[in-house]
Amino acid sequence: MFDSFKPLLDAGNKKILFVGVGNRLKSDDAIGILICEKLKNGSFLETLIVEAAIEKFVGKINSLSPDLLVLVDCTDFNREPGYFKLIHISELPDNTFHTHTVSLRRISEFFEMETYLLGIQPSNVKFGEIISPPVQEAARKIIQYINSNI
């Protein structure tokens, strides 16, 4: 389940910045924000919440100078709700998904560090504030894993 997280485990003493992307008012689309709010900041782990306006935070992200950048967002993998995977940003199609005016792949061209996407398959991205059970469970597992291993 966590095989794709190898780049994070291999990071050693490198600084990793997790960035919460999404829209709190579109159900499962808030999951990146909610995950980042529950990660424990420490010597090598830092979080930043950008919601649906990541393009406004390019300068801030670069100024924080992480060694690795992990964008956390709901992503349509065409899989079952709650499926998650860490992928290099270059593997992401160059298109927008739901709340983004600019694709995450395109915006990543402005970052000075290696960039990954931690994507979680949503069940529902319609107006509302309720996270679906499979996405909640995925978030719980991700938070526990990162807080215990990074």
N, C-alpha and C. Protein backbone atom coordinates (compact mmCIF):
# COMPACT_ATOMS: atom_id res chain seq x y z
N MET A 1 0.82 -1.20 0.00
CA MET A 1 0.00 0.00 0.00
C MET A 1 0.86 1.27 0.00
N PHE A 2 1.97 1.23 0.75
CA PHE A 2 2.82 2.41 0.84
C PHE A 2 4.10 2.27 0.01
N ASP A 3 4.12 1.35 -0.94
CA ASP A 3 5.30 1.15 -1.77
C ASP A 3 5.73 2.42 -2.49
N SER A 4 4.76 3.22 -2.92
CA SER A 4 5.09 4.44 -3.67
C SER A 4 5.73 5.52 -2.79
N PHE A 5 5.71 5.34 -1.47
CA PHE A 5 6.25 6.35 -0.55
C PHE A 5 7.77 6.25 -0.40
N LYS A 6 8.41 5.34 -1.14
CA LYS A 6 9.85 5.13 -1.04
C LYS A 6 10.67 6.42 -1.15
N PRO A 7 10.34 7.35 -2.08
CA PRO A 7 11.13 8.59 -2.13
C PRO A 7 11.12 9.38 -0.82
N LEU A 8 10.04 9.28 -0.06
CA LEU A 8 9.98 9.98 1.23
C LEU A 8 10.85 9.28 2.26
N LEU A 9 10.81 7.96 2.25
CA LEU A 9 11.63 7.21 3.20
C LEU A 9 13.11 7.35 2.89
N ASP A 10 13.44 7.45 1.61
CA ASP A 10 14.83 7.59 1.19
C ASP A 10 15.37 9.01 1.38
N ALA A 11 14.51 9.93 1.75
CA ALA A 11 14.92 11.33 1.88
C ALA A 11 15.91 11.55 3.02
N GLY A 12 15.94 10.65 3.98
CA GLY A 12 16.89 10.80 5.08
C GLY A 12 16.68 12.09 5.85
N ASN A 13 17.73 12.90 5.91
CA ASN A 13 17.66 14.16 6.65
C ASN A 13 17.31 15.34 5.77
N LYS A 14 16.62 15.08 4.68
CA LYS A 14 16.18 16.16 3.80
C LYS A 14 14.88 16.75 4.30
N LYS A 15 14.73 18.03 4.08
CA LYS A 15 13.51 18.74 4.49
C LYS A 15 12.40 18.47 3.46
N ILE A 16 11.24 18.03 3.96
CA ILE A 16 10.10 17.74 3.11
C ILE A 16 8.98 18.71 3.47
N LEU A 17 8.44 19.37 2.45
CA LEU A 17 7.31 20.27 2.64
C LEU A 17 6.07 19.62 2.03
N PHE A 18 5.06 19.38 2.86
CA PHE A 18 3.77 18.86 2.41
C PHE A 18 2.83 20.04 2.24
N VAL A 19 2.23 20.16 1.06
CA VAL A 19 1.36 21.30 0.75
C VAL A 19 -0.06 20.80 0.54
N GLY A 20 -0.98 21.29 1.34
CA GLY A 20 -2.39 20.90 1.26
C GLY A 20 -3.12 21.70 0.20
N VAL A 21 -3.60 21.01 -0.84
CA VAL A 21 -4.28 21.62 -1.97
C VAL A 21 -5.73 21.14 -1.97
N GLY A 22 -6.67 22.00 -2.31
CA GLY A 22 -8.05 21.57 -2.44
C GLY A 22 -9.04 22.65 -2.08
N ASN A 23 -10.29 22.26 -2.05
CA ASN A 23 -11.39 23.17 -1.76
C ASN A 23 -12.22 22.58 -0.63
N ARG A 24 -12.26 23.26 0.50
CA ARG A 24 -12.98 22.77 1.69
C ARG A 24 -14.48 22.61 1.46
N LEU A 25 -15.01 23.28 0.45
CA LEU A 25 -16.46 23.25 0.22
C LEU A 25 -16.87 22.25 -0.85
N LYS A 26 -15.94 21.40 -1.29
CA LYS A 26 -16.26 20.42 -2.32
C LYS A 26 -15.95 19.01 -1.85
N SER A 27 -16.49 18.67 -0.69
CA SER A 27 -16.43 17.33 -0.12
C SER A 27 -15.01 16.77 -0.12
N ASP A 28 -14.78 15.65 -0.83
CA ASP A 28 -13.48 14.97 -0.80
C ASP A 28 -12.33 15.82 -1.32
N ASP A 29 -12.62 16.89 -2.04
CA ASP A 29 -11.56 17.75 -2.55
C ASP A 29 -10.79 18.43 -1.42
N ALA A 30 -11.34 18.40 -0.21
CA ALA A 30 -10.66 19.01 0.95
C ALA A 30 -9.62 18.10 1.57
N ILE A 31 -9.49 16.86 1.09
CA ILE A 31 -8.67 15.88 1.80
C ILE A 31 -7.19 16.27 1.89
N GLY A 32 -6.63 16.91 0.90
CA GLY A 32 -5.24 17.34 0.97
C GLY A 32 -5.01 18.34 2.09
N ILE A 33 -5.96 19.23 2.26
CA ILE A 33 -5.89 20.22 3.34
C ILE A 33 -5.98 19.52 4.69
N LEU A 34 -6.96 18.64 4.82
CA LEU A 34 -7.18 17.96 6.10
C LEU A 34 -6.00 17.09 6.50
N ILE A 35 -5.39 16.42 5.55
CA ILE A 35 -4.20 15.60 5.85
C ILE A 35 -3.08 16.50 6.36
N CYS A 36 -2.80 17.58 5.65
CA CYS A 36 -1.69 18.46 6.04
C CYS A 36 -1.93 19.11 7.40
N GLU A 37 -3.17 19.35 7.75
CA GLU A 37 -3.47 19.93 9.06
C GLU A 37 -3.15 18.96 10.20
N LYS A 38 -3.09 17.66 9.91
CA LYS A 38 -2.85 16.67 10.96
C LYS A 38 -1.44 16.08 10.95
N LEU A 39 -0.61 16.52 10.01
CA LEU A 39 0.78 16.06 10.02
C LEU A 39 1.55 16.82 11.08
N LYS A 40 2.49 16.14 11.72
CA LYS A 40 3.29 16.76 12.78
C LYS A 40 4.51 17.44 12.17
N ASN A 41 4.56 18.75 12.26
CA ASN A 41 5.74 19.49 11.81
C ASN A 41 6.91 19.13 12.71
N GLY A 42 8.08 19.03 12.11
CA GLY A 42 9.27 18.70 12.88
C GLY A 42 10.51 19.20 12.17
N SER A 43 11.65 18.63 12.52
CA SER A 43 12.92 19.06 11.95
C SER A 43 12.97 18.90 10.43
N PHE A 44 12.37 17.82 9.93
CA PHE A 44 12.47 17.51 8.50
C PHE A 44 11.12 17.53 7.80
N LEU A 45 10.07 17.87 8.51
CA LEU A 45 8.73 17.89 7.93
C LEU A 45 8.06 19.21 8.25
N GLU A 46 7.55 19.84 7.21
CA GLU A 46 6.85 21.10 7.37
C GLU A 46 5.59 21.03 6.49
N THR A 47 4.56 21.77 6.88
CA THR A 47 3.33 21.79 6.10
C THR A 47 2.93 23.22 5.76
N LEU A 48 2.17 23.32 4.69
CA LEU A 48 1.63 24.61 4.24
C LEU A 48 0.28 24.33 3.60
N ILE A 49 -0.72 25.11 3.94
CA ILE A 49 -2.06 24.97 3.36
C ILE A 49 -2.23 26.06 2.31
N VAL A 50 -2.52 25.66 1.08
CA VAL A 50 -2.70 26.65 0.01
C VAL A 50 -4.13 26.62 -0.56
N GLU A 51 -4.90 25.63 -0.17
CA GLU A 51 -6.26 25.42 -0.68
C GLU A 51 -6.24 25.41 -2.20
N ALA A 52 -7.13 26.13 -2.85
CA ALA A 52 -7.23 26.07 -4.32
C ALA A 52 -6.39 27.14 -5.01
N ALA A 53 -5.52 27.80 -4.27
CA ALA A 53 -4.76 28.93 -4.83
C ALA A 53 -3.26 28.67 -4.82
N ILE A 54 -2.84 27.51 -5.24
CA ILE A 54 -1.41 27.18 -5.17
C ILE A 54 -0.56 28.16 -5.96
N GLU A 55 -1.09 28.69 -7.05
CA GLU A 55 -0.30 29.61 -7.88
C GLU A 55 0.09 30.88 -7.11
N LYS A 56 -0.64 31.21 -6.06
CA LYS A 56 -0.33 32.40 -5.24
C LYS A 56 0.78 32.12 -4.22
N PHE A 57 1.17 30.85 -4.09
CA PHE A 57 2.14 30.46 -3.07
C PHE A 57 3.48 30.00 -3.64
N VAL A 58 3.70 30.17 -4.92
CA VAL A 58 4.95 29.72 -5.54
C VAL A 58 6.15 30.36 -4.85
N GLY A 59 6.13 31.66 -4.66
CA GLY A 59 7.23 32.36 -4.00
C GLY A 59 7.44 31.88 -2.58
N LYS A 60 6.36 31.70 -1.83
CA LYS A 60 6.44 31.22 -0.45
C LYS A 60 7.06 29.83 -0.40
N ILE A 61 6.58 28.93 -1.27
CA ILE A 61 7.11 27.56 -1.30
C ILE A 61 8.60 27.57 -1.62
N ASN A 62 9.00 28.32 -2.63
CA ASN A 62 10.43 28.40 -2.98
C ASN A 62 11.25 29.01 -1.84
N SER A 63 10.69 29.99 -1.14
CA SER A 63 11.44 30.63 -0.04
C SER A 63 11.63 29.69 1.15
N LEU A 64 10.74 28.72 1.30
CA LEU A 64 10.90 27.74 2.39
C LEU A 64 12.01 26.73 2.08
N SER A 65 12.42 26.66 0.83
CA SER A 65 13.56 25.85 0.37
C SER A 65 13.55 24.39 0.83
N PRO A 66 12.45 23.68 0.65
CA PRO A 66 12.50 22.26 1.00
C PRO A 66 13.34 21.49 -0.02
N ASP A 67 13.84 20.35 0.39
CA ASP A 67 14.55 19.47 -0.54
C ASP A 67 13.55 18.72 -1.42
N LEU A 68 12.41 18.35 -0.82
CA LEU A 68 11.33 17.67 -1.53
C LEU A 68 10.02 18.41 -1.26
N LEU A 69 9.22 18.53 -2.28
CA LEU A 69 7.91 19.14 -2.17
C LEU A 69 6.87 18.07 -2.47
N VAL A 70 5.88 17.92 -1.59
CA VAL A 70 4.81 16.95 -1.80
C VAL A 70 3.49 17.70 -1.79
N LEU A 71 2.84 17.76 -2.94
CA LEU A 71 1.52 18.36 -3.06
C LEU A 71 0.51 17.28 -2.70
N VAL A 72 -0.37 17.57 -1.76
CA VAL A 72 -1.35 16.58 -1.30
C VAL A 72 -2.72 17.05 -1.79
N ASP A 73 -3.36 16.22 -2.62
CA ASP A 73 -4.59 16.65 -3.27
C ASP A 73 -5.42 15.44 -3.68
N CYS A 74 -6.72 15.63 -3.81
CA CYS A 74 -7.52 14.56 -4.40
C CYS A 74 -7.19 14.52 -5.89
N THR A 75 -7.13 13.31 -6.42
CA THR A 75 -6.69 13.10 -7.81
C THR A 75 -7.50 11.98 -8.42
N ASP A 76 -7.94 12.18 -9.64
CA ASP A 76 -8.71 11.15 -10.31
C ASP A 76 -7.77 10.15 -10.98
N PHE A 77 -7.57 9.02 -10.31
CA PHE A 77 -6.75 7.94 -10.84
C PHE A 77 -7.60 6.91 -11.59
N ASN A 78 -8.92 7.14 -11.65
CA ASN A 78 -9.86 6.15 -12.20
C ASN A 78 -9.76 4.84 -11.43
N ARG A 79 -9.67 4.96 -10.11
CA ARG A 79 -9.58 3.81 -9.21
C ARG A 79 -10.70 3.92 -8.18
N GLU A 80 -10.74 3.01 -7.24
CA GLU A 80 -11.76 3.03 -6.20
C GLU A 80 -11.52 4.19 -5.25
N PRO A 81 -12.59 4.77 -4.70
CA PRO A 81 -12.43 5.87 -3.74
C PRO A 81 -11.52 5.46 -2.58
N GLY A 82 -10.62 6.34 -2.23
CA GLY A 82 -9.68 6.08 -1.14
C GLY A 82 -8.33 5.56 -1.61
N TYR A 83 -8.24 5.16 -2.88
CA TYR A 83 -6.95 4.74 -3.42
C TYR A 83 -6.00 5.93 -3.35
N PHE A 84 -4.75 5.69 -2.98
CA PHE A 84 -3.78 6.78 -2.93
C PHE A 84 -2.43 6.32 -3.43
N LYS A 85 -1.66 7.28 -3.91
CA LYS A 85 -0.35 6.97 -4.45
C LYS A 85 0.50 8.24 -4.46
N LEU A 86 1.79 8.08 -4.23
CA LEU A 86 2.76 9.16 -4.37
C LEU A 86 3.40 9.00 -5.74
N ILE A 87 3.31 10.03 -6.57
CA ILE A 87 3.90 9.97 -7.91
C ILE A 87 4.74 11.22 -8.15
N HIS A 88 5.77 11.06 -8.96
CA HIS A 88 6.56 12.21 -9.35
C HIS A 88 5.69 13.11 -10.22
N ILE A 89 5.82 14.40 -10.08
CA ILE A 89 4.95 15.34 -10.79
C ILE A 89 5.04 15.17 -12.31
N SER A 90 6.16 14.69 -12.80
CA SER A 90 6.31 14.49 -14.24
C SER A 90 5.40 13.38 -14.77
N GLU A 91 4.90 12.52 -13.89
CA GLU A 91 3.98 11.45 -14.29
C GLU A 91 2.54 11.93 -14.40
N LEU A 92 2.28 13.14 -13.93
CA LEU A 92 0.93 13.68 -13.91
C LEU A 92 0.57 14.27 -15.27
N PRO A 93 -0.63 13.99 -15.78
CA PRO A 93 -1.04 14.63 -17.04
C PRO A 93 -1.09 16.15 -16.88
N ASP A 94 -0.88 16.85 -17.93
CA ASP A 94 -0.88 18.32 -17.89
C ASP A 94 -2.31 18.82 -18.14
N ASN A 95 -3.15 18.62 -17.13
CA ASN A 95 -4.52 19.15 -17.22
C ASN A 95 -4.98 19.55 -15.84
N THR A 96 -6.11 20.22 -15.78
CA THR A 96 -6.64 20.66 -14.50
C THR A 96 -7.61 19.61 -13.98
N PHE A 97 -7.83 19.62 -12.67
CA PHE A 97 -8.78 18.70 -12.06
C PHE A 97 -9.63 19.49 -11.08
N HIS A 98 -10.88 19.66 -11.38
CA HIS A 98 -11.88 20.26 -10.52
C HIS A 98 -11.59 21.71 -10.13
N THR A 99 -10.81 21.94 -9.08
CA THR A 99 -10.71 23.28 -8.51
C THR A 99 -9.51 24.08 -8.99
N HIS A 100 -8.66 23.51 -9.83
CA HIS A 100 -7.44 24.19 -10.20
C HIS A 100 -7.60 24.95 -11.51
N THR A 101 -7.16 26.18 -11.50
CA THR A 101 -7.19 26.96 -12.74
C THR A 101 -5.95 26.68 -13.57
N VAL A 102 -4.89 26.23 -12.93
CA VAL A 102 -3.65 25.85 -13.60
C VAL A 102 -3.34 24.43 -13.16
N SER A 103 -2.88 23.58 -14.08
CA SER A 103 -2.58 22.20 -13.69
C SER A 103 -1.42 22.17 -12.70
N LEU A 104 -1.45 21.18 -11.82
CA LEU A 104 -0.36 21.05 -10.85
C LEU A 104 0.96 20.77 -11.55
N ARG A 105 0.91 20.04 -12.64
CA ARG A 105 2.15 19.79 -13.38
C ARG A 105 2.73 21.09 -13.94
N ARG A 106 1.89 21.92 -14.50
CA ARG A 106 2.33 23.19 -15.07
C ARG A 106 2.87 24.11 -13.96
N ILE A 107 2.16 24.20 -12.85
CA ILE A 107 2.60 25.09 -11.77
C ILE A 107 3.91 24.59 -11.17
N SER A 108 4.14 23.27 -11.21
CA SER A 108 5.37 22.72 -10.62
C SER A 108 6.62 23.19 -11.36
N GLU A 109 6.46 23.66 -12.59
CA GLU A 109 7.61 24.17 -13.34
C GLU A 109 8.23 25.39 -12.67
N PHE A 110 7.49 26.03 -11.78
CA PHE A 110 7.99 27.21 -11.07
C PHE A 110 8.67 26.86 -9.76
N PHE A 111 8.61 25.60 -9.36
CA PHE A 111 9.26 25.19 -8.11
C PHE A 111 10.71 24.82 -8.37
N GLU A 112 11.55 25.14 -7.41
CA GLU A 112 12.99 24.92 -7.55
C GLU A 112 13.44 23.57 -7.01
N MET A 113 12.51 22.78 -6.46
CA MET A 113 12.87 21.52 -5.83
C MET A 113 12.13 20.36 -6.49
N GLU A 114 12.59 19.15 -6.20
CA GLU A 114 11.93 17.95 -6.70
C GLU A 114 10.51 17.92 -6.14
N THR A 115 9.55 17.64 -7.02
CA THR A 115 8.14 17.74 -6.64
C THR A 115 7.40 16.44 -6.91
N TYR A 116 6.59 16.06 -5.92
CA TYR A 116 5.75 14.87 -6.00
C TYR A 116 4.30 15.26 -5.73
N LEU A 117 3.40 14.38 -6.13
CA LEU A 117 1.98 14.52 -5.80
C LEU A 117 1.57 13.31 -4.99
N LEU A 118 0.99 13.55 -3.83
CA LEU A 118 0.34 12.50 -3.06
C LEU A 118 -1.14 12.64 -3.38
N GLY A 119 -1.62 11.81 -4.28
CA GLY A 119 -3.00 11.90 -4.74
C GLY A 119 -3.89 10.88 -4.05
N ILE A 120 -5.10 11.30 -3.74
CA ILE A 120 -6.10 10.43 -3.12
C ILE A 120 -7.34 10.44 -4.01
N GLN A 121 -7.79 9.27 -4.42
CA GLN A 121 -8.96 9.15 -5.28
C GLN A 121 -10.21 9.57 -4.51
N PRO A 122 -10.93 10.57 -5.01
CA PRO A 122 -12.16 11.00 -4.32
C PRO A 122 -13.35 10.11 -4.70
N SER A 123 -14.36 10.20 -3.88
CA SER A 123 -15.65 9.58 -4.19
C SER A 123 -16.63 10.65 -4.65
N ASN A 124 -16.54 11.82 -4.01
CA ASN A 124 -17.49 12.89 -4.26
C ASN A 124 -16.79 14.24 -4.18
N VAL A 125 -16.92 15.06 -5.21
CA VAL A 125 -16.36 16.41 -5.17
C VAL A 125 -17.46 17.45 -5.44
N LYS A 126 -18.67 17.09 -5.09
CA LYS A 126 -19.79 18.03 -5.21
C LYS A 126 -19.81 18.94 -4.00
N PHE A 127 -20.57 20.02 -4.11
CA PHE A 127 -20.67 20.99 -3.02
C PHE A 127 -21.07 20.28 -1.72
N GLY A 128 -20.33 20.55 -0.67
CA GLY A 128 -20.60 19.97 0.64
C GLY A 128 -19.32 19.90 1.44
N GLU A 129 -19.45 19.57 2.71
CA GLU A 129 -18.28 19.54 3.59
C GLU A 129 -18.06 18.18 4.23
N ILE A 130 -18.69 17.14 3.70
CA ILE A 130 -18.56 15.81 4.28
C ILE A 130 -17.58 14.99 3.43
N ILE A 131 -16.58 14.44 4.10
CA ILE A 131 -15.59 13.58 3.45
C ILE A 131 -16.15 12.16 3.45
N SER A 132 -16.10 11.50 2.30
CA SER A 132 -16.64 10.14 2.20
C SER A 132 -15.83 9.17 3.06
N PRO A 133 -16.47 8.11 3.58
CA PRO A 133 -15.76 7.16 4.46
C PRO A 133 -14.49 6.56 3.85
N PRO A 134 -14.46 6.12 2.58
CA PRO A 134 -13.21 5.54 2.09
C PRO A 134 -12.06 6.56 2.00
N VAL A 135 -12.39 7.81 1.73
CA VAL A 135 -11.37 8.85 1.66
C VAL A 135 -10.91 9.22 3.07
N GLN A 136 -11.84 9.23 4.03
CA GLN A 136 -11.46 9.45 5.43
C GLN A 136 -10.49 8.37 5.91
N GLU A 137 -10.78 7.12 5.55
CA GLU A 137 -9.94 6.00 5.98
C GLU A 137 -8.55 6.10 5.34
N ALA A 138 -8.51 6.46 4.07
CA ALA A 138 -7.21 6.64 3.41
C ALA A 138 -6.41 7.74 4.11
N ALA A 139 -7.07 8.84 4.43
CA ALA A 139 -6.40 9.94 5.12
C ALA A 139 -5.85 9.50 6.46
N ARG A 140 -6.63 8.74 7.20
CA ARG A 140 -6.19 8.24 8.51
C ARG A 140 -4.90 7.42 8.36
N LYS A 141 -4.88 6.52 7.37
CA LYS A 141 -3.71 5.68 7.14
C LYS A 141 -2.50 6.51 6.73
N ILE A 142 -2.71 7.47 5.84
CA ILE A 142 -1.62 8.32 5.36
C ILE A 142 -1.03 9.14 6.51
N ILE A 143 -1.89 9.76 7.29
CA ILE A 143 -1.43 10.57 8.43
C ILE A 143 -0.63 9.73 9.41
N GLN A 144 -1.17 8.57 9.75
CA GLN A 144 -0.47 7.69 10.70
C GLN A 144 0.88 7.26 10.14
N TYR A 145 0.93 6.89 8.88
CA TYR A 145 2.17 6.43 8.27
C TYR A 145 3.22 7.56 8.25
N ILE A 146 2.84 8.72 7.77
CA ILE A 146 3.79 9.83 7.69
C ILE A 146 4.26 10.26 9.06
N ASN A 147 3.33 10.41 10.01
CA ASN A 147 3.71 10.83 11.36
C ASN A 147 4.59 9.82 12.05
N SER A 148 4.50 8.55 11.68
CA SER A 148 5.32 7.50 12.30
C SER A 148 6.65 7.28 11.59
N ASN A 149 6.75 7.64 10.31
CA ASN A 149 7.93 7.26 9.53
C ASN A 149 8.76 8.41 8.96
N ILE A 150 8.23 9.61 8.91
CA ILE A 150 8.95 10.71 8.28
C ILE A 150 9.44 11.68 9.36
